[in-house]
Amino acid sequence: MDERRLTSIAAELGLSPDELRELRPQLTPGVDEAVVGGLIRFEDALFELSQ
């Protein structure tokens, strides 16, 4: 992630860029799970629509 984007996201979360860098390894698994879960629900909805 480039520095400008990191700074922007940190500001939105009320964190410093360094704090976000430290927290990122802890946040990534939860975000990954949420994205995968969303994709599975989307795929299920598309399947239902195709029936």
PDB file of N, CA and C in Angstrom:
ATOM      1  N   MET A   1       0.858  -1.166   0.000  1.00  0.00           N
ATOM      2  CA  MET A   1       0.000   0.000   0.000  1.00  0.00           C
ATOM      3  C   MET A   1       0.906   1.232   0.000  1.00  0.00           C
ATOM      4  N   ASP A   2       0.586   2.187  -0.893  1.00  0.00           N
ATOM      5  CA  ASP A   2       1.440   3.376  -0.947  1.00  0.00           C
ATOM      6  C   ASP A   2       1.162   4.290   0.244  1.00  0.00           C
ATOM      7  N   GLU A   3       2.114   5.151   0.515  1.00  0.00           N
ATOM      8  CA  GLU A   3       2.065   6.001   1.717  1.00  0.00           C
ATOM      9  C   GLU A   3       0.849   6.930   1.725  1.00  0.00           C
ATOM     10  N   ARG A   4       0.491   7.477   0.567  1.00  0.00           N
ATOM     11  CA  ARG A   4      -0.652   8.393   0.498  1.00  0.00           C
ATOM     12  C   ARG A   4      -1.956   7.672   0.864  1.00  0.00           C
ATOM     13  N   ARG A   5      -2.123   6.478   0.334  1.00  0.00           N
ATOM     14  CA  ARG A   5      -3.336   5.708   0.644  1.00  0.00           C
ATOM     15  C   ARG A   5      -3.356   5.290   2.112  1.00  0.00           C
ATOM     16  N   LEU A   6      -2.229   4.859   2.610  1.00  0.00           N
ATOM     17  CA  LEU A   6      -2.125   4.474   4.017  1.00  0.00           C
ATOM     18  C   LEU A   6      -2.485   5.642   4.926  1.00  0.00           C
ATOM     19  N   THR A   7      -1.969   6.821   4.620  1.00  0.00           N
ATOM     20  CA  THR A   7      -2.249   8.018   5.413  1.00  0.00           C
ATOM     21  C   THR A   7      -3.729   8.369   5.364  1.00  0.00           C
ATOM     22  N   SER A   8      -4.335   8.261   4.185  1.00  0.00           N
ATOM     23  CA  SER A   8      -5.753   8.574   4.020  1.00  0.00           C
ATOM     24  C   SER A   8      -6.635   7.619   4.825  1.00  0.00           C
ATOM     25  N   ILE A   9      -6.357   6.329   4.723  1.00  0.00           N
ATOM     26  CA  ILE A   9      -7.150   5.329   5.458  1.00  0.00           C
ATOM     27  C   ILE A   9      -6.963   5.510   6.959  1.00  0.00           C
ATOM     28  N   ALA A  10      -5.734   5.745   7.385  1.00  0.00           N
ATOM     29  CA  ALA A  10      -5.464   5.956   8.811  1.00  0.00           C
ATOM     30  C   ALA A  10      -6.247   7.153   9.325  1.00  0.00           C
ATOM     31  N   ALA A  11      -6.272   8.241   8.553  1.00  0.00           N
ATOM     32  CA  ALA A  11      -7.006   9.439   8.970  1.00  0.00           C
ATOM     33  C   ALA A  11      -8.496   9.151   9.100  1.00  0.00           C
ATOM     34  N   GLU A  12      -9.050   8.376   8.166  1.00  0.00           N
ATOM     35  CA  GLU A  12     -10.472   8.023   8.238  1.00  0.00           C
ATOM     36  C   GLU A  12     -10.785   7.213   9.490  1.00  0.00           C
ATOM     37  N   LEU A  13      -9.829   6.413   9.921  1.00  0.00           N
ATOM     38  CA  LEU A  13     -10.020   5.577  11.108  1.00  0.00           C
ATOM     39  C   LEU A  13      -9.613   6.279  12.397  1.00  0.00           C
ATOM     40  N   GLY A  14      -9.088   7.489  12.280  1.00  0.00           N
ATOM     41  CA  GLY A  14      -8.636   8.221  13.463  1.00  0.00           C
ATOM     42  C   GLY A  14      -7.330   7.690  14.030  1.00  0.00           C
ATOM     43  N   LEU A  15      -6.498   7.125  13.170  1.00  0.00           N
ATOM     44  CA  LEU A  15      -5.217   6.561  13.584  1.00  0.00           C
ATOM     45  C   LEU A  15      -4.083   7.283  12.877  1.00  0.00           C
ATOM     46  N   SER A  16      -2.895   7.120  13.401  1.00  0.00           N
ATOM     47  CA  SER A  16      -1.715   7.597  12.680  1.00  0.00           C
ATOM     48  C   SER A  16      -1.319   6.502  11.688  1.00  0.00           C
ATOM     49  N   PRO A  17      -0.571   6.850  10.645  1.00  0.00           N
ATOM     50  CA  PRO A  17      -0.110   5.813   9.716  1.00  0.00           C
ATOM     51  C   PRO A  17       0.684   4.706  10.414  1.00  0.00           C
ATOM     52  N   ASP A  18       1.492   5.069  11.410  1.00  0.00           N
ATOM     53  CA  ASP A  18       2.259   4.052  12.142  1.00  0.00           C
ATOM     54  C   ASP A  18       1.345   3.105  12.916  1.00  0.00           C
ATOM     55  N   GLU A  19       0.291   3.654  13.528  1.00  0.00           N
ATOM     56  CA  GLU A  19      -0.662   2.802  14.262  1.00  0.00           C
ATOM     57  C   GLU A  19      -1.351   1.838  13.300  1.00  0.00           C
ATOM     58  N   LEU A  20      -1.734   2.338  12.123  1.00  0.00           N
ATOM     59  CA  LEU A  20      -2.387   1.470  11.146  1.00  0.00           C
ATOM     60  C   LEU A  20      -1.434   0.386  10.657  1.00  0.00           C
ATOM     61  N   ARG A  21      -0.171   0.736  10.442  1.00  0.00           N
ATOM     62  CA  ARG A  21       0.820  -0.267  10.038  1.00  0.00           C
ATOM     63  C   ARG A  21       0.921  -1.385  11.080  1.00  0.00           C
ATOM     64  N   GLU A  22       0.892  -1.011  12.354  1.00  0.00           N
ATOM     65  CA  GLU A  22       0.987  -2.007  13.428  1.00  0.00           C
ATOM     66  C   GLU A  22      -0.263  -2.880  13.492  1.00  0.00           C
ATOM     67  N   LEU A  23      -1.434  -2.290  13.250  1.00  0.00           N
ATOM     68  CA  LEU A  23      -2.691  -3.028  13.352  1.00  0.00           C
ATOM     69  C   LEU A  23      -3.021  -3.846  12.108  1.00  0.00           C
ATOM     70  N   ARG A  24      -2.442  -3.482  10.987  1.00  0.00           N
ATOM     71  CA  ARG A  24      -2.820  -4.102   9.716  1.00  0.00           C
ATOM     72  C   ARG A  24      -2.753  -5.635   9.724  1.00  0.00           C
ATOM     73  N   PRO A  25      -1.698  -6.272  10.261  1.00  0.00           N
ATOM     74  CA  PRO A  25      -1.680  -7.738  10.269  1.00  0.00           C
ATOM     75  C   PRO A  25      -2.859  -8.347  11.041  1.00  0.00           C
ATOM     76  N   GLN A  26      -3.358  -7.640  12.047  1.00  0.00           N
ATOM     77  CA  GLN A  26      -4.492  -8.144  12.822  1.00  0.00           C
ATOM     78  C   GLN A  26      -5.808  -7.919  12.083  1.00  0.00           C
ATOM     79  N   LEU A  27      -5.889  -6.858  11.286  1.00  0.00           N
ATOM     80  CA  LEU A  27      -7.123  -6.521  10.577  1.00  0.00           C
ATOM     81  C   LEU A  27      -7.307  -7.342   9.312  1.00  0.00           C
ATOM     82  N   THR A  28      -6.227  -7.678   8.639  1.00  0.00           N
ATOM     83  CA  THR A  28      -6.300  -8.328   7.335  1.00  0.00           C
ATOM     84  C   THR A  28      -7.090  -9.634   7.348  1.00  0.00           C
ATOM     85  N   PRO A  29      -6.886 -10.552   8.305  1.00  0.00           N
ATOM     86  CA  PRO A  29      -7.671 -11.793   8.276  1.00  0.00           C
ATOM     87  C   PRO A  29      -9.175 -11.547   8.365  1.00  0.00           C
ATOM     88  N   GLY A  30      -9.601 -10.616   9.189  1.00  0.00           N
ATOM     89  CA  GLY A  30     -11.028 -10.314   9.309  1.00  0.00           C
ATOM     90  C   GLY A  30     -11.595  -9.734   8.034  1.00  0.00           C
ATOM     91  N   VAL A  31     -10.835  -8.872   7.394  1.00  0.00           N
ATOM     92  CA  VAL A  31     -11.272  -8.290   6.124  1.00  0.00           C
ATOM     93  C   VAL A  31     -11.342  -9.378   5.065  1.00  0.00           C
ATOM     94  N   ASP A  32     -10.345 -10.245   5.013  1.00  0.00           N
ATOM     95  CA  ASP A  32     -10.346 -11.338   4.044  1.00  0.00           C
ATOM     96  C   ASP A  32     -11.573 -12.221   4.225  1.00  0.00           C
ATOM     97  N   GLU A  33     -11.910 -12.551   5.467  1.00  0.00           N
ATOM     98  CA  GLU A  33     -13.089 -13.376   5.735  1.00  0.00           C
ATOM     99  C   GLU A  33     -14.360 -12.675   5.286  1.00  0.00           C
ATOM    100  N   ALA A  34     -14.465 -11.388   5.530  1.00  0.00           N
ATOM    101  CA  ALA A  34     -15.653 -10.629   5.138  1.00  0.00           C
ATOM    102  C   ALA A  34     -15.796 -10.590   3.622  1.00  0.00           C
ATOM    103  N   VAL A  35     -14.697 -10.392   2.921  1.00  0.00           N
ATOM    104  CA  VAL A  35     -14.741 -10.345   1.454  1.00  0.00           C
ATOM    105  C   VAL A  35     -15.146 -11.701   0.897  1.00  0.00           C
ATOM    106  N   VAL A  36     -14.541 -12.768   1.387  1.00  0.00           N
ATOM    107  CA  VAL A  36     -14.873 -14.108   0.903  1.00  0.00           C
ATOM    108  C   VAL A  36     -16.334 -14.427   1.208  1.00  0.00           C
ATOM    109  N   GLY A  37     -16.798 -14.090   2.397  1.00  0.00           N
ATOM    110  CA  GLY A  37     -18.198 -14.322   2.747  1.00  0.00           C
ATOM    111  C   GLY A  37     -19.138 -13.565   1.833  1.00  0.00           C
ATOM    112  N   GLY A  38     -18.790 -12.330   1.517  1.00  0.00           N
ATOM    113  CA  GLY A  38     -19.605 -11.525   0.605  1.00  0.00           C
ATOM    114  C   GLY A  38     -19.631 -12.118  -0.789  1.00  0.00           C
ATOM    115  N   LEU A  39     -18.496 -12.605  -1.255  1.00  0.00           N
ATOM    116  CA  LEU A  39     -18.442 -13.220  -2.584  1.00  0.00           C
ATOM    117  C   LEU A  39     -19.272 -14.498  -2.636  1.00  0.00           C
ATOM    118  N   ILE A  40     -19.242 -15.276  -1.572  1.00  0.00           N
ATOM    119  CA  ILE A  40     -20.041 -16.505  -1.530  1.00  0.00           C
ATOM    120  C   ILE A  40     -21.525 -16.165  -1.565  1.00  0.00           C
ATOM    121  N   ARG A  41     -21.949 -15.163  -0.797  1.00  0.00           N
ATOM    122  CA  ARG A  41     -23.362 -14.764  -0.816  1.00  0.00           C
ATOM    123  C   ARG A  41     -23.764 -14.234  -2.184  1.00  0.00           C
ATOM    124  N   PHE A  42     -22.877 -13.482  -2.832  1.00  0.00           N
ATOM    125  CA  PHE A  42     -23.144 -12.955  -4.166  1.00  0.00           C
ATOM    126  C   PHE A  42     -23.299 -14.101  -5.164  1.00  0.00           C
ATOM    127  N   GLU A  43     -22.412 -15.080  -5.092  1.00  0.00           N
ATOM    128  CA  GLU A  43     -22.487 -16.236  -5.979  1.00  0.00           C
ATOM    129  C   GLU A  43     -23.779 -17.009  -5.744  1.00  0.00           C
ATOM    130  N   ASP A  44     -24.178 -17.182  -4.495  1.00  0.00           N
ATOM    131  CA  ASP A  44     -25.439 -17.860  -4.179  1.00  0.00           C
ATOM    132  C   ASP A  44     -26.627 -17.104  -4.759  1.00  0.00           C
ATOM    133  N   ALA A  45     -26.606 -15.779  -4.649  1.00  0.00           N
ATOM    134  CA  ALA A  45     -27.701 -14.967  -5.186  1.00  0.00           C
ATOM    135  C   ALA A  45     -27.764 -15.084  -6.701  1.00  0.00           C
ATOM    136  N   LEU A  46     -26.623 -15.073  -7.368  1.00  0.00           N
ATOM    137  CA  LEU A  46     -26.614 -15.240  -8.823  1.00  0.00           C
ATOM    138  C   LEU A  46     -27.161 -16.604  -9.219  1.00  0.00           C
ATOM    139  N   PHE A  47     -26.794 -17.628  -8.461  1.00  0.00           N
ATOM    140  CA  PHE A  47     -27.298 -18.971  -8.743  1.00  0.00           C
ATOM    141  C   PHE A  47     -28.815 -19.003  -8.614  1.00  0.00           C
ATOM    142  N   GLU A  48     -29.337 -18.399  -7.551  1.00  0.00           N
ATOM    143  CA  GLU A  48     -30.787 -18.359  -7.345  1.00  0.00           C
ATOM    144  C   GLU A  48     -31.487 -17.626  -8.488  1.00  0.00           C
ATOM    145  N   LEU A  49     -30.912 -16.542  -8.955  1.00  0.00           N
ATOM    146  CA  LEU A  49     -31.509 -15.784 -10.055  1.00  0.00           C
ATOM    147  C   LEU A  49     -31.502 -16.572 -11.359  1.00  0.00           C
ATOM    148  N   SER A  50     -30.524 -17.439 -11.532  1.00  0.00           N
ATOM    149  CA  SER A  50     -30.422 -18.196 -12.783  1.00  0.00           C
ATOM    150  C   SER A  50     -31.379 -19.380 -12.828  1.00  0.00           C
ATOM    151  N   GLN A  51     -31.976 -19.722 -11.716  1.00  0.00           N
ATOM    152  CA  GLN A  51     -32.891 -20.876 -11.664  1.00  0.00           C
ATOM    153  C   GLN A  51     -34.259 -20.549 -12.180  1.00  0.00           C
TER     154      GLN A  51
END
